[in-house]
Amino acid sequence: MERPDGNIADAFLFEMQAGYCTYYASTMVSMLRTQDIPARLVVGYTPGEQTDANRWVVRGLDSHAWVEVYFPEVGWIRFDPTPTAPREAAEQDRIDSASDE
């Protein structure tokens, strides 16, 4: 998937049929901010894979972007607009492709 030219949020909302987590998150932040709702884009990693009781393996494929929205009485609350099923399928495809090489 190629990065769109111009405003990614506009392209993602009106032209693209799919996108990465950064597209979902940045578009949600932009939309919330147009309504004067404090929001921020957060990047980091998902938990990864638990390999035993006290050990986790986190790979590059576990990198992710999500949104935090500020509520005055509560603070920053996490929201993840990215659908999980397509992400999990894409990760498995990459793992399978790497295994075949």
Protein backbone atom coordinates (compact mmCIF):
# COMPACT_ATOMS: atom_id res chain seq x y z
CA MET A 1 0.00 0.00 0.00
CA GLU A 2 1.44 3.34 -1.04
CA ARG A 3 1.29 6.45 1.13
CA PRO A 4 -1.29 8.87 -0.32
CA ASP A 5 -0.30 12.33 -1.50
CA GLY A 6 -1.60 15.39 0.32
CA ASN A 7 -3.83 15.13 3.37
CA ILE A 8 -3.70 11.53 4.56
CA ALA A 9 -6.87 11.84 6.65
CA ASP A 10 -8.88 13.11 3.67
CA ALA A 11 -7.49 10.44 1.35
CA PHE A 12 -8.11 7.73 3.94
CA LEU A 13 -11.69 8.81 4.64
CA PHE A 14 -12.83 9.47 1.09
CA GLU A 15 -10.65 7.48 -1.31
CA MET A 16 -8.89 4.52 0.30
CA GLN A 17 -10.44 1.12 0.96
CA ALA A 18 -7.88 0.12 3.63
CA GLY A 19 -5.13 1.63 5.72
CA TYR A 20 -2.53 1.22 8.41
CA CYS A 21 -3.08 1.88 12.11
CA THR A 22 -1.43 5.30 11.72
CA TYR A 23 -4.10 6.25 9.16
CA TYR A 24 -6.95 5.19 11.45
CA ALA A 25 -5.46 6.91 14.48
CA SER A 26 -4.37 10.15 12.81
CA THR A 27 -7.75 10.47 11.09
CA MET A 28 -9.60 9.96 14.39
CA VAL A 29 -7.40 12.57 16.09
CA SER A 30 -8.06 15.05 13.27
CA MET A 31 -11.81 14.48 13.45
CA LEU A 32 -11.91 14.87 17.24
CA ARG A 33 -9.86 18.05 17.12
CA THR A 34 -12.25 19.62 14.59
CA GLN A 35 -14.85 19.33 17.37
CA ASP A 36 -12.46 20.89 19.94
CA ILE A 37 -12.04 17.55 21.70
CA PRO A 38 -8.49 17.17 23.04
CA ALA A 39 -6.92 14.14 21.38
CA ARG A 40 -3.42 12.88 20.71
CA LEU A 41 -1.78 10.24 18.53
CA VAL A 42 0.18 7.64 20.48
CA VAL A 43 2.66 5.15 19.04
CA GLY A 44 4.16 2.16 20.75
CA TYR A 45 3.87 -1.60 20.81
CA THR A 46 1.12 -4.12 21.44
CA PRO A 47 1.91 -6.70 24.15
CA GLY A 48 3.56 -9.13 21.73
CA GLU A 49 3.63 -12.86 22.31
CA GLN A 50 3.93 -14.53 25.69
CA THR A 51 6.58 -17.24 25.48
CA ASP A 52 6.39 -18.41 29.11
CA ALA A 53 4.99 -17.24 32.46
CA ASN A 54 7.34 -14.26 32.82
CA ARG A 55 8.57 -13.63 29.28
CA TRP A 56 7.14 -11.79 26.30
CA VAL A 57 8.60 -11.36 22.81
CA VAL A 58 7.83 -8.06 21.09
CA ARG A 59 8.66 -7.75 17.39
CA GLY A 60 8.57 -4.94 14.88
CA LEU A 61 5.22 -6.26 13.70
CA ASP A 62 3.88 -5.39 17.16
CA SER A 63 4.38 -1.66 16.57
CA HIS A 64 1.06 0.17 16.65
CA ALA A 65 -0.64 3.57 16.76
CA TRP A 66 -3.76 4.50 18.73
CA VAL A 67 -5.57 7.54 20.12
CA GLU A 68 -5.89 9.07 23.56
CA VAL A 69 -8.76 11.45 24.31
CA TYR A 70 -8.71 13.84 27.27
CA PHE A 71 -11.69 13.94 29.63
CA PRO A 72 -11.35 16.71 32.26
CA GLU A 73 -12.60 14.66 35.22
CA VAL A 74 -10.76 11.48 34.23
CA GLY A 75 -7.62 12.28 32.21
CA TRP A 76 -6.36 10.63 29.02
CA ILE A 77 -8.37 7.59 27.89
CA ARG A 78 -7.15 5.17 25.22
CA PHE A 79 -9.17 4.44 22.07
CA ASP A 80 -8.02 2.14 19.30
CA PRO A 81 -9.90 2.78 16.03
CA THR A 82 -8.00 0.12 14.07
CA PRO A 83 -9.99 -3.06 13.36
CA THR A 84 -8.14 -6.05 14.83
CA ALA A 85 -8.99 -8.81 12.34
CA PRO A 86 -7.28 -7.22 9.29
CA ARG A 87 -4.21 -6.35 11.39
CA GLU A 88 -3.87 -9.91 12.67
CA ALA A 89 -4.27 -11.30 9.14
CA ALA A 90 -1.64 -8.90 7.75
CA GLU A 91 0.78 -9.84 10.53
CA GLN A 92 0.31 -13.54 9.82
CA ASP A 93 0.86 -12.96 6.09
CA ARG A 94 4.16 -11.19 6.84
CA ILE A 95 5.28 -13.97 9.17
CA ASP A 96 4.36 -16.60 6.56
CA SER A 97 6.19 -14.68 3.83
CA ALA A 98 9.31 -14.35 5.99
CA SER A 99 9.19 -18.07 6.79
CA ASP A 100 9.11 -18.95 3.07
CA GLU A 101 12.29 -16.99 2.27
